Amino acid sequence: IADALAMREAGNRFAFAVVDDTTGTVLGTTSYHDILPAVKRVEIGYTWYAKSVQRTHVNTTAKLLMMGHAFDTLGCHVVGWRTDNFNFASQRAIERLGAKKDGVIRGHALRRDGTIRDTVMYSMRAGEWPEAKAQLLYLLERHALA
């Protein structure tokens, strides 16, 4: 939390708590980061959820709201994501959002254990948003009917 607040103060991260609106329970967090106003680009990341809500509608809902705000309110041209090359669950989750894999940056960042990771980069352009939004709304509607 301290890191998120410091990064917000510096202007390069804006963290959100993901809260169950019926119980008030904190389910996780996700953030805008690497905010580049000059090129109208943000990245979404620093995301984690309680095990109990992983692979549920929670991430889809949070990302739908964040992507909608980025594209429709902030006027972003591009929204990006990045993840560890070994984090296959995260890669699948990003791909389910409709993001396209841009490539891999080799030797890009340190992991918490001190090893060097390769980073998989993803993005979505504003012109791709309407189709991705329709797909996410469909998935959420299907979940609500189940």
N, C-alpha and C. Protein backbone atom coordinates (compact mmCIF):
# COMPACT_ATOMS: atom_id res chain seq x y z
N ILE A 1 0.84 -1.19 0.00
CA ILE A 1 0.00 0.00 0.00
C ILE A 1 0.88 1.24 0.00
N ALA A 2 1.96 1.21 0.80
CA ALA A 2 2.86 2.36 0.84
C ALA A 2 3.49 2.61 -0.53
N ASP A 3 3.89 1.55 -1.21
CA ASP A 3 4.46 1.70 -2.55
C ASP A 3 3.44 2.29 -3.52
N ALA A 4 2.21 1.81 -3.46
CA ALA A 4 1.16 2.31 -4.34
C ALA A 4 0.90 3.80 -4.09
N LEU A 5 0.88 4.19 -2.83
CA LEU A 5 0.65 5.60 -2.50
C LEU A 5 1.82 6.48 -2.94
N ALA A 6 3.04 5.98 -2.77
CA ALA A 6 4.22 6.74 -3.21
C ALA A 6 4.22 6.89 -4.72
N MET A 7 3.86 5.84 -5.43
CA MET A 7 3.83 5.90 -6.89
C MET A 7 2.70 6.81 -7.36
N ARG A 8 1.59 6.85 -6.62
CA ARG A 8 0.51 7.77 -6.97
C ARG A 8 0.98 9.21 -6.80
N GLU A 9 1.66 9.46 -5.69
CA GLU A 9 2.19 10.81 -5.44
C GLU A 9 3.15 11.24 -6.55
N ALA A 10 3.92 10.28 -7.08
CA ALA A 10 4.86 10.56 -8.16
C ALA A 10 4.15 10.68 -9.51
N GLY A 11 2.89 10.29 -9.57
CA GLY A 11 2.11 10.44 -10.79
C GLY A 11 2.23 9.30 -11.77
N ASN A 12 2.77 8.14 -11.33
CA ASN A 12 2.91 7.06 -12.29
C ASN A 12 2.16 5.78 -11.93
N ARG A 13 1.27 5.86 -10.95
CA ARG A 13 0.42 4.72 -10.63
C ARG A 13 -0.83 5.22 -9.93
N PHE A 14 -1.96 4.57 -10.26
CA PHE A 14 -3.22 4.88 -9.58
C PHE A 14 -3.87 3.55 -9.23
N ALA A 15 -3.82 3.18 -7.96
CA ALA A 15 -4.30 1.87 -7.51
C ALA A 15 -5.77 1.93 -7.10
N PHE A 16 -6.47 0.83 -7.35
CA PHE A 16 -7.87 0.68 -6.98
C PHE A 16 -8.02 -0.55 -6.09
N ALA A 17 -8.81 -0.43 -5.06
CA ALA A 17 -9.21 -1.61 -4.28
C ALA A 17 -10.39 -2.24 -5.00
N VAL A 18 -10.38 -3.56 -5.08
CA VAL A 18 -11.50 -4.30 -5.66
C VAL A 18 -12.28 -4.85 -4.48
N VAL A 19 -13.53 -4.37 -4.34
CA VAL A 19 -14.33 -4.65 -3.16
C VAL A 19 -15.64 -5.32 -3.55
N ASP A 20 -16.04 -6.33 -2.80
CA ASP A 20 -17.35 -6.96 -2.99
C ASP A 20 -18.40 -5.96 -2.53
N ASP A 21 -19.26 -5.52 -3.44
CA ASP A 21 -20.21 -4.47 -3.09
C ASP A 21 -21.34 -4.92 -2.17
N THR A 22 -21.50 -6.23 -1.98
CA THR A 22 -22.53 -6.69 -1.04
C THR A 22 -22.01 -6.86 0.38
N THR A 23 -20.73 -7.24 0.51
CA THR A 23 -20.18 -7.50 1.85
C THR A 23 -19.16 -6.46 2.31
N GLY A 24 -18.62 -5.70 1.37
CA GLY A 24 -17.56 -4.76 1.71
C GLY A 24 -16.19 -5.41 1.83
N THR A 25 -16.10 -6.70 1.54
CA THR A 25 -14.84 -7.42 1.65
C THR A 25 -13.89 -7.01 0.52
N VAL A 26 -12.64 -6.74 0.87
CA VAL A 26 -11.64 -6.44 -0.14
C VAL A 26 -11.25 -7.75 -0.82
N LEU A 27 -11.40 -7.77 -2.14
CA LEU A 27 -11.11 -8.98 -2.93
C LEU A 27 -9.73 -8.93 -3.57
N GLY A 28 -9.17 -7.73 -3.69
CA GLY A 28 -7.86 -7.58 -4.31
C GLY A 28 -7.61 -6.14 -4.70
N THR A 29 -6.72 -5.98 -5.66
CA THR A 29 -6.36 -4.65 -6.13
C THR A 29 -5.90 -4.73 -7.58
N THR A 30 -6.00 -3.63 -8.28
CA THR A 30 -5.47 -3.49 -9.63
C THR A 30 -5.19 -2.00 -9.84
N SER A 31 -4.30 -1.70 -10.77
CA SER A 31 -3.83 -0.32 -10.92
C SER A 31 -3.67 0.09 -12.37
N TYR A 32 -3.78 1.40 -12.60
CA TYR A 32 -3.21 2.02 -13.79
C TYR A 32 -1.76 2.31 -13.41
N HIS A 33 -0.85 2.09 -14.34
CA HIS A 33 0.55 2.43 -14.08
C HIS A 33 1.24 2.76 -15.41
N ASP A 34 2.47 3.21 -15.32
CA ASP A 34 3.20 3.64 -16.51
C ASP A 34 2.31 4.52 -17.38
N ILE A 35 1.78 5.54 -16.74
CA ILE A 35 0.83 6.46 -17.35
C ILE A 35 1.61 7.45 -18.23
N LEU A 36 1.28 7.47 -19.52
CA LEU A 36 1.97 8.33 -20.48
C LEU A 36 0.96 9.26 -21.16
N PRO A 37 0.64 10.39 -20.51
CA PRO A 37 -0.38 11.29 -21.08
C PRO A 37 -0.04 11.80 -22.48
N ALA A 38 1.23 12.01 -22.77
CA ALA A 38 1.62 12.57 -24.07
C ALA A 38 1.26 11.64 -25.23
N VAL A 39 1.25 10.34 -24.99
CA VAL A 39 0.89 9.39 -26.05
C VAL A 39 -0.45 8.72 -25.77
N LYS A 40 -1.13 9.19 -24.71
CA LYS A 40 -2.44 8.67 -24.31
C LYS A 40 -2.41 7.15 -24.15
N ARG A 41 -1.52 6.71 -23.27
CA ARG A 41 -1.35 5.29 -22.99
C ARG A 41 -1.27 5.08 -21.48
N VAL A 42 -1.93 4.03 -21.02
CA VAL A 42 -1.78 3.57 -19.64
C VAL A 42 -1.58 2.06 -19.70
N GLU A 43 -1.00 1.54 -18.64
CA GLU A 43 -0.95 0.09 -18.48
C GLU A 43 -1.80 -0.27 -17.28
N ILE A 44 -2.33 -1.49 -17.31
CA ILE A 44 -3.10 -2.02 -16.19
C ILE A 44 -2.31 -3.17 -15.61
N GLY A 45 -2.11 -3.13 -14.31
CA GLY A 45 -1.34 -4.20 -13.68
C GLY A 45 -1.30 -4.05 -12.18
N TYR A 46 -0.25 -4.61 -11.59
CA TYR A 46 -0.14 -4.69 -10.14
C TYR A 46 -1.43 -5.32 -9.59
N THR A 47 -1.91 -6.33 -10.28
CA THR A 47 -3.19 -6.95 -9.96
C THR A 47 -3.00 -8.20 -9.14
N TRP A 48 -3.77 -8.33 -8.09
CA TRP A 48 -3.86 -9.59 -7.33
C TRP A 48 -5.26 -9.71 -6.76
N TYR A 49 -5.71 -10.94 -6.65
CA TYR A 49 -7.02 -11.23 -6.09
C TYR A 49 -6.91 -12.36 -5.08
N ALA A 50 -7.84 -12.39 -4.13
CA ALA A 50 -7.94 -13.51 -3.20
C ALA A 50 -8.18 -14.78 -4.02
N LYS A 51 -7.62 -15.88 -3.57
CA LYS A 51 -7.78 -17.17 -4.27
C LYS A 51 -9.25 -17.46 -4.55
N SER A 52 -10.11 -17.11 -3.61
CA SER A 52 -11.54 -17.44 -3.73
C SER A 52 -12.22 -16.78 -4.92
N VAL A 53 -11.64 -15.72 -5.47
CA VAL A 53 -12.27 -15.04 -6.60
C VAL A 53 -11.44 -15.10 -7.88
N GLN A 54 -10.31 -15.79 -7.84
CA GLN A 54 -9.53 -15.95 -9.06
C GLN A 54 -10.30 -16.82 -10.05
N ARG A 55 -10.19 -16.46 -11.32
CA ARG A 55 -10.91 -17.16 -12.41
C ARG A 55 -12.42 -17.06 -12.26
N THR A 56 -12.89 -15.93 -11.73
CA THR A 56 -14.32 -15.64 -11.64
C THR A 56 -14.60 -14.37 -12.43
N HIS A 57 -15.81 -13.87 -12.32
CA HIS A 57 -16.22 -12.64 -12.99
C HIS A 57 -15.53 -11.39 -12.43
N VAL A 58 -14.87 -11.51 -11.30
CA VAL A 58 -14.31 -10.33 -10.62
C VAL A 58 -13.28 -9.62 -11.50
N ASN A 59 -12.31 -10.34 -12.03
CA ASN A 59 -11.29 -9.69 -12.87
C ASN A 59 -11.91 -9.12 -14.14
N THR A 60 -12.82 -9.86 -14.75
CA THR A 60 -13.47 -9.38 -15.97
C THR A 60 -14.19 -8.06 -15.70
N THR A 61 -14.92 -8.00 -14.58
CA THR A 61 -15.66 -6.79 -14.23
C THR A 61 -14.71 -5.62 -13.97
N ALA A 62 -13.68 -5.86 -13.18
CA ALA A 62 -12.73 -4.79 -12.86
C ALA A 62 -12.04 -4.27 -14.11
N LYS A 63 -11.61 -5.18 -14.97
CA LYS A 63 -10.90 -4.75 -16.18
C LYS A 63 -11.84 -4.08 -17.17
N LEU A 64 -13.09 -4.52 -17.25
CA LEU A 64 -14.07 -3.86 -18.10
C LEU A 64 -14.25 -2.41 -17.66
N LEU A 65 -14.36 -2.18 -16.37
CA LEU A 65 -14.50 -0.82 -15.85
C LEU A 65 -13.25 0.02 -16.13
N MET A 66 -12.09 -0.58 -15.91
CA MET A 66 -10.84 0.18 -16.10
C MET A 66 -10.59 0.48 -17.57
N MET A 67 -10.83 -0.49 -18.44
CA MET A 67 -10.63 -0.27 -19.87
C MET A 67 -11.63 0.74 -20.39
N GLY A 68 -12.89 0.65 -19.93
CA GLY A 68 -13.89 1.63 -20.34
C GLY A 68 -13.50 3.04 -19.94
N HIS A 69 -13.01 3.17 -18.72
CA HIS A 69 -12.57 4.50 -18.26
C HIS A 69 -11.38 4.99 -19.07
N ALA A 70 -10.43 4.10 -19.32
CA ALA A 70 -9.23 4.50 -20.07
C ALA A 70 -9.58 4.95 -21.49
N PHE A 71 -10.38 4.15 -22.19
CA PHE A 71 -10.69 4.47 -23.57
C PHE A 71 -11.78 5.54 -23.69
N ASP A 72 -12.86 5.39 -22.95
CA ASP A 72 -14.03 6.24 -23.15
C ASP A 72 -13.98 7.56 -22.40
N THR A 73 -13.31 7.59 -21.25
CA THR A 73 -13.25 8.82 -20.46
C THR A 73 -11.91 9.54 -20.62
N LEU A 74 -10.82 8.79 -20.49
CA LEU A 74 -9.50 9.41 -20.59
C LEU A 74 -9.05 9.61 -22.03
N GLY A 75 -9.69 8.93 -22.97
CA GLY A 75 -9.32 9.07 -24.37
C GLY A 75 -8.02 8.39 -24.73
N CYS A 76 -7.68 7.32 -24.04
CA CYS A 76 -6.43 6.62 -24.34
C CYS A 76 -6.48 6.01 -25.73
N HIS A 77 -5.33 6.01 -26.38
CA HIS A 77 -5.17 5.34 -27.67
C HIS A 77 -4.80 3.87 -27.47
N VAL A 78 -4.08 3.60 -26.36
CA VAL A 78 -3.58 2.25 -26.10
C VAL A 78 -3.65 1.96 -24.61
N VAL A 79 -4.08 0.74 -24.27
CA VAL A 79 -3.97 0.22 -22.91
C VAL A 79 -3.05 -0.99 -22.99
N GLY A 80 -2.10 -1.07 -22.07
CA GLY A 80 -1.13 -2.15 -22.10
C GLY A 80 -1.15 -2.97 -20.82
N TRP A 81 -0.57 -4.17 -20.93
CA TRP A 81 -0.39 -5.07 -19.80
C TRP A 81 0.97 -5.70 -19.94
N ARG A 82 1.54 -6.15 -18.84
CA ARG A 82 2.79 -6.90 -18.88
C ARG A 82 2.74 -7.95 -17.78
N THR A 83 3.43 -9.05 -18.02
CA THR A 83 3.47 -10.11 -17.03
C THR A 83 4.73 -10.94 -17.20
N ASP A 84 5.07 -11.67 -16.15
CA ASP A 84 6.22 -12.57 -16.18
C ASP A 84 5.98 -13.65 -17.23
N ASN A 85 7.03 -14.01 -17.95
CA ASN A 85 6.88 -15.04 -18.99
C ASN A 85 6.47 -16.39 -18.43
N PHE A 86 6.67 -16.63 -17.13
CA PHE A 86 6.25 -17.90 -16.52
C PHE A 86 4.87 -17.82 -15.86
N ASN A 87 4.25 -16.65 -15.87
CA ASN A 87 2.93 -16.50 -15.26
C ASN A 87 1.86 -16.77 -16.32
N PHE A 88 1.66 -18.05 -16.59
CA PHE A 88 0.75 -18.46 -17.65
C PHE A 88 -0.71 -18.13 -17.32
N ALA A 89 -1.08 -18.19 -16.05
CA ALA A 89 -2.45 -17.84 -15.66
C ALA A 89 -2.73 -16.37 -15.98
N SER A 90 -1.78 -15.50 -15.69
CA SER A 90 -1.94 -14.09 -15.98
C SER A 90 -2.00 -13.85 -17.49
N GLN A 91 -1.17 -14.54 -18.24
CA GLN A 91 -1.19 -14.40 -19.69
C GLN A 91 -2.56 -14.79 -20.26
N ARG A 92 -3.10 -15.89 -19.78
CA ARG A 92 -4.43 -16.32 -20.25
C ARG A 92 -5.50 -15.29 -19.87
N ALA A 93 -5.41 -14.75 -18.66
CA ALA A 93 -6.39 -13.75 -18.22
C ALA A 93 -6.32 -12.50 -19.09
N ILE A 94 -5.12 -12.06 -19.41
CA ILE A 94 -4.95 -10.87 -20.26
C ILE A 94 -5.50 -11.15 -21.65
N GLU A 95 -5.22 -12.33 -22.18
CA GLU A 95 -5.71 -12.68 -23.52
C GLU A 95 -7.22 -12.78 -23.54
N ARG A 96 -7.85 -13.26 -22.44
CA ARG A 96 -9.31 -13.32 -22.37
C ARG A 96 -9.93 -11.93 -22.44
N LEU A 97 -9.18 -10.91 -22.05
CA LEU A 97 -9.69 -9.53 -22.12
C LEU A 97 -9.72 -9.01 -23.55
N GLY A 98 -9.06 -9.70 -24.46
CA GLY A 98 -9.00 -9.26 -25.85
C GLY A 98 -7.71 -8.57 -26.21
N ALA A 99 -6.75 -8.54 -25.30
CA ALA A 99 -5.46 -7.90 -25.57
C ALA A 99 -4.64 -8.76 -26.54
N LYS A 100 -3.82 -8.10 -27.31
CA LYS A 100 -2.94 -8.77 -28.27
C LYS A 100 -1.53 -8.83 -27.69
N LYS A 101 -0.88 -9.96 -27.92
CA LYS A 101 0.50 -10.13 -27.45
C LYS A 101 1.43 -9.35 -28.38
N ASP A 102 2.16 -8.40 -27.80
CA ASP A 102 3.09 -7.58 -28.57
C ASP A 102 4.45 -8.25 -28.71
N GLY A 103 4.86 -8.98 -27.68
CA GLY A 103 6.16 -9.62 -27.72
C GLY A 103 6.72 -9.82 -26.33
N VAL A 104 7.98 -10.19 -26.29
CA VAL A 104 8.66 -10.49 -25.03
C VAL A 104 9.90 -9.61 -24.93
N ILE A 105 10.05 -8.96 -23.80
CA ILE A 105 11.28 -8.21 -23.51
C ILE A 105 12.14 -9.11 -22.64
N ARG A 106 13.26 -9.52 -23.19
CA ARG A 106 14.11 -10.47 -22.47
C ARG A 106 14.97 -9.75 -21.45
N GLY A 107 15.14 -10.38 -20.29
CA GLY A 107 15.96 -9.81 -19.22
C GLY A 107 15.46 -8.45 -18.78
N HIS A 108 14.16 -8.32 -18.60
CA HIS A 108 13.52 -7.02 -18.41
C HIS A 108 13.43 -6.55 -16.97
N ALA A 109 13.21 -7.45 -16.02
CA ALA A 109 12.94 -7.00 -14.65
C ALA A 109 13.38 -8.06 -13.65
N LEU A 110 13.52 -7.62 -12.41
CA LEU A 110 13.84 -8.56 -11.33
C LEU A 110 12.57 -9.12 -10.73
N ARG A 111 12.60 -10.40 -10.43
CA ARG A 111 11.53 -11.01 -9.65
C ARG A 111 11.82 -10.76 -8.18
N ARG A 112 10.83 -11.03 -7.34
CA ARG A 112 11.01 -10.84 -5.90
C ARG A 112 12.15 -11.68 -5.35
N ASP A 113 12.39 -12.85 -5.97
CA ASP A 113 13.46 -13.73 -5.48
C ASP A 113 14.83 -13.33 -6.00
N GLY A 114 14.91 -12.25 -6.77
CA GLY A 114 16.18 -11.74 -7.27
C GLY A 114 16.59 -12.26 -8.63
N THR A 115 15.85 -13.24 -9.19
CA THR A 115 16.16 -13.71 -10.53
C THR A 115 15.65 -12.71 -11.56
N ILE A 116 16.21 -12.78 -12.74
CA ILE A 116 15.83 -11.86 -13.80
C ILE A 116 14.75 -12.51 -14.66
N ARG A 117 13.70 -11.77 -14.92
CA ARG A 117 12.58 -12.31 -15.69
C ARG A 117 12.53 -11.71 -17.08
N ASP A 118 11.93 -12.48 -17.98
CA ASP A 118 11.50 -11.97 -19.27
C ASP A 118 10.06 -11.50 -19.07
N THR A 119 9.68 -10.43 -19.75
CA THR A 119 8.35 -9.84 -19.59
C THR A 119 7.57 -9.95 -20.89
N VAL A 120 6.36 -10.51 -20.79
CA VAL A 120 5.46 -10.60 -21.94
C VAL A 120 4.61 -9.33 -21.96
N MET A 121 4.63 -8.65 -23.09
CA MET A 121 3.90 -7.39 -23.25
C MET A 121 2.64 -7.62 -24.09
N TYR A 122 1.56 -6.98 -23.68
CA TYR A 122 0.27 -7.04 -24.37
C TYR A 122 -0.26 -5.62 -24.53
N SER A 123 -1.15 -5.44 -25.50
CA SER A 123 -1.82 -4.14 -25.63
C SER A 123 -3.15 -4.29 -26.34
N MET A 124 -3.94 -3.24 -26.20
CA MET A 124 -5.19 -3.10 -26.94
C MET A 124 -5.26 -1.65 -27.42
N ARG A 125 -5.58 -1.48 -28.68
CA ARG A 125 -5.74 -0.14 -29.25
C ARG A 125 -7.20 0.28 -29.15
N ALA A 126 -7.43 1.57 -29.18
CA ALA A 126 -8.80 2.11 -29.03
C ALA A 126 -9.76 1.51 -30.05
N GLY A 127 -9.31 1.27 -31.27
CA GLY A 127 -10.18 0.71 -32.29
C GLY A 127 -10.59 -0.72 -32.02
N GLU A 128 -9.85 -1.42 -31.17
CA GLU A 128 -10.17 -2.79 -30.80
C GLU A 128 -11.12 -2.87 -29.61
N TRP A 129 -11.27 -1.75 -28.91
CA TRP A 129 -12.05 -1.72 -27.68
C TRP A 129 -13.52 -2.09 -27.88
N PRO A 130 -14.23 -1.57 -28.88
CA PRO A 130 -15.66 -1.91 -28.98
C PRO A 130 -15.91 -3.43 -29.07
N GLU A 131 -15.12 -4.13 -29.86
CA GLU A 131 -15.30 -5.58 -29.97
C GLU A 131 -14.95 -6.28 -28.66
N ALA A 132 -13.85 -5.86 -28.03
CA ALA A 132 -13.45 -6.46 -26.75
C ALA A 132 -14.52 -6.20 -25.69
N LYS A 133 -15.04 -4.98 -25.67
CA LYS A 133 -16.09 -4.63 -24.70
C LYS A 133 -17.31 -5.52 -24.89
N ALA A 134 -17.75 -5.70 -26.13
CA ALA A 134 -18.91 -6.55 -26.40
C ALA A 134 -18.67 -7.98 -25.92
N GLN A 135 -17.46 -8.49 -26.15
CA GLN A 135 -17.14 -9.85 -25.71
C GLN A 135 -17.14 -9.95 -24.18
N LEU A 136 -16.58 -8.97 -23.51
CA LEU A 136 -16.55 -9.00 -22.04
C LEU A 136 -17.96 -8.89 -21.47
N LEU A 137 -18.78 -8.05 -22.05
CA LEU A 137 -20.17 -7.94 -21.59
C LEU A 137 -20.91 -9.26 -21.81
N TYR A 138 -20.66 -9.92 -22.92
CA TYR A 138 -21.26 -11.22 -23.19
C TYR A 138 -20.83 -12.24 -22.12
N LEU A 139 -19.53 -12.27 -21.82
CA LEU A 139 -19.04 -13.21 -20.81
C LEU A 139 -19.68 -12.94 -19.44
N LEU A 140 -19.82 -11.67 -19.08
CA LEU A 140 -20.43 -11.34 -17.80
C LEU A 140 -21.92 -11.68 -17.78
N GLU A 141 -22.60 -11.47 -18.89
CA GLU A 141 -24.03 -11.82 -18.97
C GLU A 141 -24.19 -13.33 -18.86
N ARG A 142 -23.33 -14.07 -19.53
CA ARG A 142 -23.38 -15.53 -19.46
C ARG A 142 -23.14 -16.01 -18.02
N HIS A 143 -22.20 -15.35 -17.32
CA HIS A 143 -21.94 -15.69 -15.92
C HIS A 143 -23.15 -15.42 -15.05
N ALA A 144 -23.82 -14.29 -15.29
CA ALA A 144 -24.99 -13.92 -14.48
C ALA A 144 -26.15 -14.89 -14.67
N LEU A 145 -26.24 -15.48 -15.85
CA LEU A 145 -27.32 -16.43 -16.12
C LEU A 145 -27.02 -17.83 -15.59
N ALA A 146 -25.73 -18.07 -15.29
CA ALA A 146 -25.35 -19.42 -14.83
C ALA A 146 -25.73 -19.66 -13.39
